[in-house]
């Protein structure tokens, strides 16, 4: 008798919750920037270094986790990563209680290593259930929406908890959520993955290949290379904004602690809705996915340049909030392109490399921008992030031409 198959709705709900939980750490943690500034006495450059090191740790670890996911299971890397991350956060909370803030920072960096695992497991688990599904873009758009939504909820609640009961209490709450997410993923991914029986091809970029039954299918690296390279630059711009947004509003624009946290939450929740919309657009116009990425990148760069030019006025804060939303909305498109292009059996490896690229950009952006702001002011920081976004668009635009010729190339390969 064949083993029971996963229920796609259960996989989706559990994956969204787990992704929201892990994003509460990866992206929601910067909302504690003002609290760390007050309680630990860290300056802007030090805070940027802390958040950057968490991202760099994730960048190196996520590639290895992708290989592990392909050789073990999506369930193992998801559950193991969530529970180990929760343990590291608990230890960081203990360090904060003892006023050992250097140790707290080190443990948060360590948590970045284990936190890289669940994102890989979630993508691989959803790929096994949704690849070929007519709502592929919507499913992954919803998953991608969980990233800013989880960060937004964390960005609202963690500063309030830290303000009332110190940073340690906020970290403990985050650890509990991660444990619950680990249990949910253990239940949702307990059966083998499968492709939807109603599968249909919705992405003209997929290249058919002939492989032996027991061989791993090849990865179309030529099609993926521009997306992977652009991910570094676009993520650097995205995370450079969000990692320092609360601190900028608090220190440069004179916003209250609560006001800065509320703005951070608004950005994340709105960006979540934008990602769902982009996922729907990916289903509606599958061959325009990369073009949409380029348009979003250009919009973000333009808004950042306006912020740099209006830095002495309060309107710059509003424009920066809009830029943060725009800068986060492209991720649904890139993940959909990757999942639609890569065979499910290789999705762990490819997603590991993609996430590594993203975290590489995410790790260095706060460090570089934090140092630039410390020495030369905020305007230079926004200009550097705009340049990064424009460079990402230039790299991704090479894929637009590739997409237009890919279907014809695939047909020639099939004939051969």
Foldseek 3Di string as FASTA:
>chain_A
DDWDEFDLVLLLVLLLLLLLLLLLLLQQVLLCVVVCCVLLVDDLLVLLQLSLLLLLLLLVQLLVLLVVCLVPHLLVLQLQLLLVLLVLLLVLLVCVVVSNNVSSSVSSSVNSNSSSRNVLSSLLQNLLEEAQNLLLLLSLLLSLLSNLQSSLVSLQPQNVCCVVPNNSVSSNVSSVSSNVSSVSSNVRPVTDGHYDPVGHQQALQAFDDDDDPPDFDDAPCVLCVLLLQLLLLLLLLLLLLSSCLLVCCVPQVVDDSNVSSNLSSVLSNLLSVLSSVLSVVCSVCVLCLLVVLLVLLLVLLVLLLVLLVPVVDPVSSVSSSVSNSSSSRSVSSSSSVRSSHGPSSSSSNVVSSSSSSSSNSNSVSSNVLSVCCVVPNNSVSSNVSSVSSNVSSVSSVVSSVVSVCSSVVSVVVVVD
